[in-house]
Amino acid sequence: VLLAAFAERLRTVVEAQGGLAGRLAGDSFTVLLPEVETRTQAEVSTRRLLRMLDEPFSIAGHRFVVSASAGVAMYPADGDGFSALM
């Protein structure tokens, strides 16, 4: 339930920025932000995402705090295909 709540919050925040979010496996997600064109914009967007995900979750009367980490890869500077960017 916590993972689903996390995924929903991530999706909501990412879609508000014109992007897409998807679960890769387990607790790993990927985010695509096509409107982001510079590394500075990517860093700002990433910090915004992490702040939103830092807010506690309330599930069944319990409060959960999770942590998230993020890496940024930009096309084509960091790779020209899926494997290279991942």
PDB file of N, CA and C in Angstrom:
ATOM      1  N   VAL A   1       0.837  -1.190   0.000  1.00  0.00           N
ATOM      2  CA  VAL A   1       0.000   0.000   0.000  1.00  0.00           C
ATOM      3  C   VAL A   1       0.880   1.251   0.000  1.00  0.00           C
ATOM      4  N   LEU A   2       1.970   1.208   0.767  1.00  0.00           N
ATOM      5  CA  LEU A   2       2.883   2.356   0.802  1.00  0.00           C
ATOM      6  C   LEU A   2       3.522   2.584  -0.564  1.00  0.00           C
ATOM      7  N   LEU A   3       3.958   1.520  -1.208  1.00  0.00           N
ATOM      8  CA  LEU A   3       4.572   1.645  -2.528  1.00  0.00           C
ATOM      9  C   LEU A   3       3.581   2.209  -3.545  1.00  0.00           C
ATOM     10  N   ALA A   4       2.329   1.789  -3.468  1.00  0.00           N
ATOM     11  CA  ALA A   4       1.302   2.312  -4.376  1.00  0.00           C
ATOM     12  C   ALA A   4       1.048   3.791  -4.111  1.00  0.00           C
ATOM     13  N   ALA A   5       1.029   4.196  -2.840  1.00  0.00           N
ATOM     14  CA  ALA A   5       0.834   5.608  -2.496  1.00  0.00           C
ATOM     15  C   ALA A   5       2.018   6.443  -2.987  1.00  0.00           C
ATOM     16  N   PHE A   6       3.220   5.905  -2.836  1.00  0.00           N
ATOM     17  CA  PHE A   6       4.420   6.582  -3.318  1.00  0.00           C
ATOM     18  C   PHE A   6       4.350   6.762  -4.836  1.00  0.00           C
ATOM     19  N   ALA A   7       3.976   5.684  -5.538  1.00  0.00           N
ATOM     20  CA  ALA A   7       3.882   5.738  -6.999  1.00  0.00           C
ATOM     21  C   ALA A   7       2.841   6.760  -7.443  1.00  0.00           C
ATOM     22  N   GLU A   8       1.724   6.816  -6.759  1.00  0.00           N
ATOM     23  CA  GLU A   8       0.671   7.775  -7.120  1.00  0.00           C
ATOM     24  C   GLU A   8       1.141   9.208  -6.903  1.00  0.00           C
ATOM     25  N   ARG A   9       1.824   9.453  -5.788  1.00  0.00           N
ATOM     26  CA  ARG A   9       2.343  10.813  -5.543  1.00  0.00           C
ATOM     27  C   ARG A   9       3.369  11.167  -6.602  1.00  0.00           C
ATOM     28  N   LEU A  10       4.254  10.255  -6.918  1.00  0.00           N
ATOM     29  CA  LEU A  10       5.263  10.498  -7.947  1.00  0.00           C
ATOM     30  C   LEU A  10       4.598  10.806  -9.275  1.00  0.00           C
ATOM     31  N   ARG A  11       3.607   9.991  -9.658  1.00  0.00           N
ATOM     32  CA  ARG A  11       2.910  10.195 -10.931  1.00  0.00           C
ATOM     33  C   ARG A  11       2.259  11.566 -10.974  1.00  0.00           C
ATOM     34  N   THR A  12       1.596  11.959  -9.908  1.00  0.00           N
ATOM     35  CA  THR A  12       0.905  13.245  -9.854  1.00  0.00           C
ATOM     36  C   THR A  12       1.881  14.405 -10.028  1.00  0.00           C
ATOM     37  N   VAL A  13       2.996  14.342  -9.327  1.00  0.00           N
ATOM     38  CA  VAL A  13       3.991  15.420  -9.397  1.00  0.00           C
ATOM     39  C   VAL A  13       4.628  15.473 -10.785  1.00  0.00           C
ATOM     40  N   VAL A  14       4.972  14.317 -11.329  1.00  0.00           N
ATOM     41  CA  VAL A  14       5.633  14.264 -12.633  1.00  0.00           C
ATOM     42  C   VAL A  14       4.691  14.717 -13.745  1.00  0.00           C
ATOM     43  N   GLU A  15       3.453  14.258 -13.718  1.00  0.00           N
ATOM     44  CA  GLU A  15       2.506  14.666 -14.757  1.00  0.00           C
ATOM     45  C   GLU A  15       2.236  16.161 -14.713  1.00  0.00           C
ATOM     46  N   ALA A  16       2.272  16.765 -13.525  1.00  0.00           N
ATOM     47  CA  ALA A  16       2.092  18.217 -13.408  1.00  0.00           C
ATOM     48  C   ALA A  16       3.231  18.962 -14.099  1.00  0.00           C
ATOM     49  N   GLN A  17       4.369  18.286 -14.259  1.00  0.00           N
ATOM     50  CA  GLN A  17       5.521  18.894 -14.942  1.00  0.00           C
ATOM     51  C   GLN A  17       5.589  18.462 -16.408  1.00  0.00           C
ATOM     52  N   GLY A  18       4.534  17.811 -16.896  1.00  0.00           N
ATOM     53  CA  GLY A  18       4.496  17.392 -18.296  1.00  0.00           C
ATOM     54  C   GLY A  18       5.284  16.133 -18.585  1.00  0.00           C
ATOM     55  N   GLY A  19       5.553  15.333 -17.558  1.00  0.00           N
ATOM     56  CA  GLY A  19       6.367  14.143 -17.751  1.00  0.00           C
ATOM     57  C   GLY A  19       5.612  12.848 -17.541  1.00  0.00           C
ATOM     58  N   LEU A  20       6.372  11.771 -17.551  1.00  0.00           N
ATOM     59  CA  LEU A  20       5.844  10.430 -17.343  1.00  0.00           C
ATOM     60  C   LEU A  20       6.667   9.747 -16.262  1.00  0.00           C
ATOM     61  N   ALA A  21       6.021   8.927 -15.456  1.00  0.00           N
ATOM     62  CA  ALA A  21       6.720   8.141 -14.441  1.00  0.00           C
ATOM     63  C   ALA A  21       6.307   6.696 -14.586  1.00  0.00           C
ATOM     64  N   GLY A  22       7.225   5.787 -14.352  1.00  0.00           N
ATOM     65  CA  GLY A  22       6.909   4.366 -14.429  1.00  0.00           C
ATOM     66  C   GLY A  22       7.754   3.573 -13.458  1.00  0.00           C
ATOM     67  N   ARG A  23       7.198   2.476 -13.012  1.00  0.00           N
ATOM     68  CA  ARG A  23       7.905   1.589 -12.085  1.00  0.00           C
ATOM     69  C   ARG A  23       8.757   0.626 -12.896  1.00  0.00           C
ATOM     70  N   LEU A  24      10.037   0.542 -12.561  1.00  0.00           N
ATOM     71  CA  LEU A  24      10.930  -0.381 -13.251  1.00  0.00           C
ATOM     72  C   LEU A  24      10.852  -1.768 -12.616  1.00  0.00           C
ATOM     73  N   ALA A  25      11.063  -1.831 -11.309  1.00  0.00           N
ATOM     74  CA  ALA A  25      11.007  -3.093 -10.563  1.00  0.00           C
ATOM     75  C   ALA A  25      11.129  -2.762  -9.085  1.00  0.00           C
ATOM     76  N   GLY A  26      10.500  -3.579  -8.250  1.00  0.00           N
ATOM     77  CA  GLY A  26      10.611  -3.359  -6.812  1.00  0.00           C
ATOM     78  C   GLY A  26      10.237  -1.942  -6.443  1.00  0.00           C
ATOM     79  N   ASP A  27      11.192  -1.233  -5.863  1.00  0.00           N
ATOM     80  CA  ASP A  27      10.941   0.154  -5.482  1.00  0.00           C
ATOM     81  C   ASP A  27      11.717   1.132  -6.368  1.00  0.00           C
ATOM     82  N   SER A  28      12.006   0.717  -7.589  1.00  0.00           N
ATOM     83  CA  SER A  28      12.728   1.570  -8.544  1.00  0.00           C
ATOM     84  C   SER A  28      11.763   2.135  -9.579  1.00  0.00           C
ATOM     85  N   PHE A  29      11.878   3.420  -9.799  1.00  0.00           N
ATOM     86  CA  PHE A  29      11.035   4.125 -10.756  1.00  0.00           C
ATOM     87  C   PHE A  29      11.909   4.905 -11.710  1.00  0.00           C
ATOM     88  N   THR A  30      11.351   5.227 -12.867  1.00  0.00           N
ATOM     89  CA  THR A  30      12.028   6.125 -13.794  1.00  0.00           C
ATOM     90  C   THR A  30      11.076   7.264 -14.127  1.00  0.00           C
ATOM     91  N   VAL A  31      11.655   8.414 -14.389  1.00  0.00           N
ATOM     92  CA  VAL A  31      10.880   9.611 -14.708  1.00  0.00           C
ATOM     93  C   VAL A  31      11.420  10.187 -15.996  1.00  0.00           C
ATOM     94  N   LEU A  32      10.523  10.511 -16.912  1.00  0.00           N
ATOM     95  CA  LEU A  32      10.892  11.176 -18.153  1.00  0.00           C
ATOM     96  C   LEU A  32      10.268  12.560 -18.143  1.00  0.00           C
ATOM     97  N   LEU A  33      11.111  13.571 -18.319  1.00  0.00           N
ATOM     98  CA  LEU A  33      10.635  14.954 -18.338  1.00  0.00           C
ATOM     99  C   LEU A  33      11.046  15.590 -19.663  1.00  0.00           C
ATOM    100  N   PRO A  34      10.238  15.422 -20.710  1.00  0.00           N
ATOM    101  CA  PRO A  34      10.608  15.917 -22.033  1.00  0.00           C
ATOM    102  C   PRO A  34      10.720  17.439 -22.128  1.00  0.00           C
ATOM    103  N   GLU A  35      10.093  18.165 -21.230  1.00  0.00           N
ATOM    104  CA  GLU A  35      10.148  19.626 -21.276  1.00  0.00           C
ATOM    105  C   GLU A  35      11.455  20.170 -20.703  1.00  0.00           C
ATOM    106  N   VAL A  36      12.203  19.346 -19.999  1.00  0.00           N
ATOM    107  CA  VAL A  36      13.466  19.767 -19.391  1.00  0.00           C
ATOM    108  C   VAL A  36      14.554  19.738 -20.451  1.00  0.00           C
ATOM    109  N   GLU A  37      15.227  20.878 -20.636  1.00  0.00           N
ATOM    110  CA  GLU A  37      16.222  20.976 -21.701  1.00  0.00           C
ATOM    111  C   GLU A  37      17.640  21.184 -21.198  1.00  0.00           C
ATOM    112  N   THR A  38      17.803  21.659 -19.963  1.00  0.00           N
ATOM    113  CA  THR A  38      19.146  21.917 -19.446  1.00  0.00           C
ATOM    114  C   THR A  38      19.372  21.136 -18.154  1.00  0.00           C
ATOM    115  N   ARG A  39      20.628  20.938 -17.821  1.00  0.00           N
ATOM    116  CA  ARG A  39      20.958  20.239 -16.579  1.00  0.00           C
ATOM    117  C   ARG A  39      20.444  21.012 -15.374  1.00  0.00           C
ATOM    118  N   THR A  40      20.487  22.338 -15.432  1.00  0.00           N
ATOM    119  CA  THR A  40      19.966  23.154 -14.327  1.00  0.00           C
ATOM    120  C   THR A  40      18.475  22.907 -14.140  1.00  0.00           C
ATOM    121  N   GLN A  41      17.714  22.876 -15.224  1.00  0.00           N
ATOM    122  CA  GLN A  41      16.280  22.576 -15.132  1.00  0.00           C
ATOM    123  C   GLN A  41      16.065  21.179 -14.553  1.00  0.00           C
ATOM    124  N   ALA A  42      16.892  20.230 -14.947  1.00  0.00           N
ATOM    125  CA  ALA A  42      16.769  18.861 -14.434  1.00  0.00           C
ATOM    126  C   ALA A  42      17.028  18.831 -12.928  1.00  0.00           C
ATOM    127  N   GLU A  43      18.022  19.573 -12.481  1.00  0.00           N
ATOM    128  CA  GLU A  43      18.339  19.611 -11.052  1.00  0.00           C
ATOM    129  C   GLU A  43      17.207  20.249 -10.254  1.00  0.00           C
ATOM    130  N   VAL A  44      16.636  21.315 -10.773  1.00  0.00           N
ATOM    131  CA  VAL A  44      15.505  21.976 -10.100  1.00  0.00           C
ATOM    132  C   VAL A  44      14.313  21.021 -10.027  1.00  0.00           C
ATOM    133  N   SER A  45      13.996  20.363 -11.132  1.00  0.00           N
ATOM    134  CA  SER A  45      12.875  19.420 -11.161  1.00  0.00           C
ATOM    135  C   SER A  45      13.110  18.253 -10.215  1.00  0.00           C
ATOM    136  N   THR A  46      14.332  17.756 -10.174  1.00  0.00           N
ATOM    137  CA  THR A  46      14.660  16.631  -9.292  1.00  0.00           C
ATOM    138  C   THR A  46      14.510  17.032  -7.834  1.00  0.00           C
ATOM    139  N   ARG A  47      15.011  18.198  -7.464  1.00  0.00           N
ATOM    140  CA  ARG A  47      14.855  18.667  -6.076  1.00  0.00           C
ATOM    141  C   ARG A  47      13.381  18.827  -5.716  1.00  0.00           C
ATOM    142  N   ARG A  48      12.575  19.341  -6.638  1.00  0.00           N
ATOM    143  CA  ARG A  48      11.138  19.503  -6.404  1.00  0.00           C
ATOM    144  C   ARG A  48      10.479  18.141  -6.172  1.00  0.00           C
ATOM    145  N   LEU A  49      10.815  17.183  -6.998  1.00  0.00           N
ATOM    146  CA  LEU A  49      10.275  15.831  -6.838  1.00  0.00           C
ATOM    147  C   LEU A  49      10.657  15.238  -5.480  1.00  0.00           C
ATOM    148  N   LEU A  50      11.913  15.348  -5.125  1.00  0.00           N
ATOM    149  CA  LEU A  50      12.365  14.763  -3.862  1.00  0.00           C
ATOM    150  C   LEU A  50      11.712  15.433  -2.656  1.00  0.00           C
ATOM    151  N   ARG A  51      11.497  16.737  -2.722  1.00  0.00           N
ATOM    152  CA  ARG A  51      10.799  17.436  -1.614  1.00  0.00           C
ATOM    153  C   ARG A  51       9.380  16.914  -1.458  1.00  0.00           C
ATOM    154  N   MET A  52       8.674  16.734  -2.562  1.00  0.00           N
ATOM    155  CA  MET A  52       7.301  16.229  -2.507  1.00  0.00           C
ATOM    156  C   MET A  52       7.253  14.808  -1.962  1.00  0.00           C
ATOM    157  N   LEU A  53       8.253  14.012  -2.301  1.00  0.00           N
ATOM    158  CA  LEU A  53       8.277  12.623  -1.844  1.00  0.00           C
ATOM    159  C   LEU A  53       8.731  12.509  -0.394  1.00  0.00           C
ATOM    160  N   ASP A  54       9.368  13.544   0.125  1.00  0.00           N
ATOM    161  CA  ASP A  54       9.799  13.550   1.526  1.00  0.00           C
ATOM    162  C   ASP A  54       8.640  13.749   2.496  1.00  0.00           C
ATOM    163  N   GLU A  55       7.531  14.285   2.009  1.00  0.00           N
ATOM    164  CA  GLU A  55       6.386  14.517   2.892  1.00  0.00           C
ATOM    165  C   GLU A  55       5.838  13.177   3.374  1.00  0.00           C
ATOM    166  N   PRO A  56       5.491  13.067   4.657  1.00  0.00           N
ATOM    167  CA  PRO A  56       5.012  11.791   5.204  1.00  0.00           C
ATOM    168  C   PRO A  56       3.745  11.290   4.512  1.00  0.00           C
ATOM    169  N   PHE A  57       3.590   9.975   4.519  1.00  0.00           N
ATOM    170  CA  PHE A  57       2.399   9.313   4.007  1.00  0.00           C
ATOM    171  C   PHE A  57       1.550   8.894   5.196  1.00  0.00           C
ATOM    172  N   SER A  58       0.247   9.023   5.068  1.00  0.00           N
ATOM    173  CA  SER A  58      -0.675   8.575   6.105  1.00  0.00           C
ATOM    174  C   SER A  58      -1.483   7.412   5.541  1.00  0.00           C
ATOM    175  N   ILE A  59      -1.282   6.239   6.126  1.00  0.00           N
ATOM    176  CA  ILE A  59      -1.948   5.031   5.639  1.00  0.00           C
ATOM    177  C   ILE A  59      -2.517   4.276   6.836  1.00  0.00           C
ATOM    178  N   ALA A  60      -3.819   4.049   6.790  1.00  0.00           N
ATOM    179  CA  ALA A  60      -4.509   3.284   7.847  1.00  0.00           C
ATOM    180  C   ALA A  60      -4.196   3.821   9.234  1.00  0.00           C
ATOM    181  N   GLY A  61      -4.164   5.129   9.351  1.00  0.00           N
ATOM    182  CA  GLY A  61      -3.936   5.748  10.645  1.00  0.00           C
ATOM    183  C   GLY A  61      -2.490   5.770  11.095  1.00  0.00           C
ATOM    184  N   HIS A  62      -1.575   5.348  10.223  1.00  0.00           N
ATOM    185  CA  HIS A  62      -0.152   5.342  10.555  1.00  0.00           C
ATOM    186  C   HIS A  62       0.586   6.323   9.656  1.00  0.00           C
ATOM    187  N   ARG A  63       1.623   6.906  10.197  1.00  0.00           N
ATOM    188  CA  ARG A  63       2.437   7.861   9.446  1.00  0.00           C
ATOM    189  C   ARG A  63       3.727   7.165   9.002  1.00  0.00           C
ATOM    190  N   PHE A  64       4.016   7.275   7.720  1.00  0.00           N
ATOM    191  CA  PHE A  64       5.220   6.668   7.159  1.00  0.00           C
ATOM    192  C   PHE A  64       6.078   7.751   6.520  1.00  0.00           C
ATOM    193  N   VAL A  65       7.361   7.696   6.809  1.00  0.00           N
ATOM    194  CA  VAL A  65       8.319   8.602   6.188  1.00  0.00           C
ATOM    195  C   VAL A  65       9.274   7.734   5.375  1.00  0.00           C
ATOM    196  N   VAL A  66       9.428   8.061   4.121  1.00  0.00           N
ATOM    197  CA  VAL A  66      10.321   7.302   3.246  1.00  0.00           C
ATOM    198  C   VAL A  66      11.404   8.231   2.726  1.00  0.00           C
ATOM    199  N   SER A  67      12.436   7.648   2.209  1.00  0.00           N
ATOM    200  CA  SER A  67      13.479   8.448   1.578  1.00  0.00           C
ATOM    201  C   SER A  67      13.597   8.013   0.127  1.00  0.00           C
ATOM    202  N   ALA A  68      14.038   8.923  -0.693  1.00  0.00           N
ATOM    203  CA  ALA A  68      14.221   8.637  -2.111  1.00  0.00           C
ATOM    204  C   ALA A  68      15.545   9.242  -2.562  1.00  0.00           C
ATOM    205  N   SER A  69      16.124   8.634  -3.544  1.00  0.00           N
ATOM    206  CA  SER A  69      17.321   9.186  -4.156  1.00  0.00           C
ATOM    207  C   SER A  69      17.078   9.247  -5.659  1.00  0.00           C
ATOM    208  N   ALA A  70      17.857  10.074  -6.324  1.00  0.00           N
ATOM    209  CA  ALA A  70      17.641  10.253  -7.769  1.00  0.00           C
ATOM    210  C   ALA A  70      18.961  10.471  -8.480  1.00  0.00           C
ATOM    211  N   GLY A  71      19.005  10.012  -9.679  1.00  0.00           N
ATOM    212  CA  GLY A  71      20.112  10.287 -10.576  1.00  0.00           C
ATOM    213  C   GLY A  71      19.535  10.930 -11.827  1.00  0.00           C
ATOM    214  N   VAL A  72      20.335  11.708 -12.505  1.00  0.00           N
ATOM    215  CA  VAL A  72      19.859  12.408 -13.704  1.00  0.00           C
ATOM    216  C   VAL A  72      20.729  12.004 -14.890  1.00  0.00           C
ATOM    217  N   ALA A  73      20.078  11.633 -15.975  1.00  0.00           N
ATOM    218  CA  ALA A  73      20.756  11.367 -17.237  1.00  0.00           C
ATOM    219  C   ALA A  73      20.000  12.132 -18.313  1.00  0.00           C
ATOM    220  N   MET A  74      20.754  12.826 -19.162  1.00  0.00           N
ATOM    221  CA  MET A  74      20.129  13.650 -20.193  1.00  0.00           C
ATOM    222  C   MET A  74      20.558  13.190 -21.585  1.00  0.00           C
ATOM    223  N   TYR A  75      19.574  13.138 -22.459  1.00  0.00           N
ATOM    224  CA  TYR A  75      19.798  12.781 -23.852  1.00  0.00           C
ATOM    225  C   TYR A  75      20.131  14.044 -24.635  1.00  0.00           C
ATOM    226  N   PRO A  76      21.081  14.067 -25.474  1.00  0.00           N
ATOM    227  CA  PRO A  76      22.049  13.036 -25.837  1.00  0.00           C
ATOM    228  C   PRO A  76      23.373  13.155 -25.092  1.00  0.00           C
ATOM    229  N   ALA A  77      23.508  14.160 -24.213  1.00  0.00           N
ATOM    230  CA  ALA A  77      24.789  14.396 -23.541  1.00  0.00           C
ATOM    231  C   ALA A  77      25.296  13.180 -22.764  1.00  0.00           C
ATOM    232  N   ASP A  78      24.400  12.454 -22.111  1.00  0.00           N
ATOM    233  CA  ASP A  78      24.810  11.331 -21.265  1.00  0.00           C
ATOM    234  C   ASP A  78      24.622   9.973 -21.941  1.00  0.00           C
ATOM    235  N   GLY A  79      24.079   9.964 -23.136  1.00  0.00           N
ATOM    236  CA  GLY A  79      23.881   8.710 -23.868  1.00  0.00           C
ATOM    237  C   GLY A  79      22.832   8.910 -24.935  1.00  0.00           C
ATOM    238  N   ASP A  80      22.887   8.046 -25.950  1.00  0.00           N
ATOM    239  CA  ASP A  80      21.957   8.205 -27.057  1.00  0.00           C
ATOM    240  C   ASP A  80      20.948   7.063 -27.167  1.00  0.00           C
ATOM    241  N   GLY A  81      20.874   6.244 -26.142  1.00  0.00           N
ATOM    242  CA  GLY A  81      19.909   5.145 -26.146  1.00  0.00           C
ATOM    243  C   GLY A  81      19.492   4.785 -24.732  1.00  0.00           C
ATOM    244  N   PHE A  82      18.489   3.960 -24.645  1.00  0.00           N
ATOM    245  CA  PHE A  82      17.926   3.572 -23.347  1.00  0.00           C
ATOM    246  C   PHE A  82      18.991   2.995 -22.411  1.00  0.00           C
ATOM    247  N   SER A  83      19.748   2.032 -22.893  1.00  0.00           N
ATOM    248  CA  SER A  83      20.752   1.372 -22.047  1.00  0.00           C
ATOM    249  C   SER A  83      21.775   2.361 -21.513  1.00  0.00           C
ATOM    250  N   ALA A  84      22.259   3.220 -22.347  1.00  0.00           N
ATOM    251  CA  ALA A  84      23.256   4.201 -21.925  1.00  0.00           C
ATOM    252  C   ALA A  84      22.679   5.170 -20.903  1.00  0.00           C
ATOM    253  N   LEU A  85      21.457   5.604 -21.116  1.00  0.00           N
ATOM    254  CA  LEU A  85      20.841   6.566 -20.187  1.00  0.00           C
ATOM    255  C   LEU A  85      20.488   5.921 -18.857  1.00  0.00           C
ATOM    256  N   MET A  86      20.107   4.660 -18.869  1.00  0.00           N
ATOM    257  CA  MET A  86      19.791   3.967 -17.614  1.00  0.00           C
ATOM    258  C   MET A  86      21.071   3.702 -16.836  1.00  0.00           C
TER     259      MET A  86
END
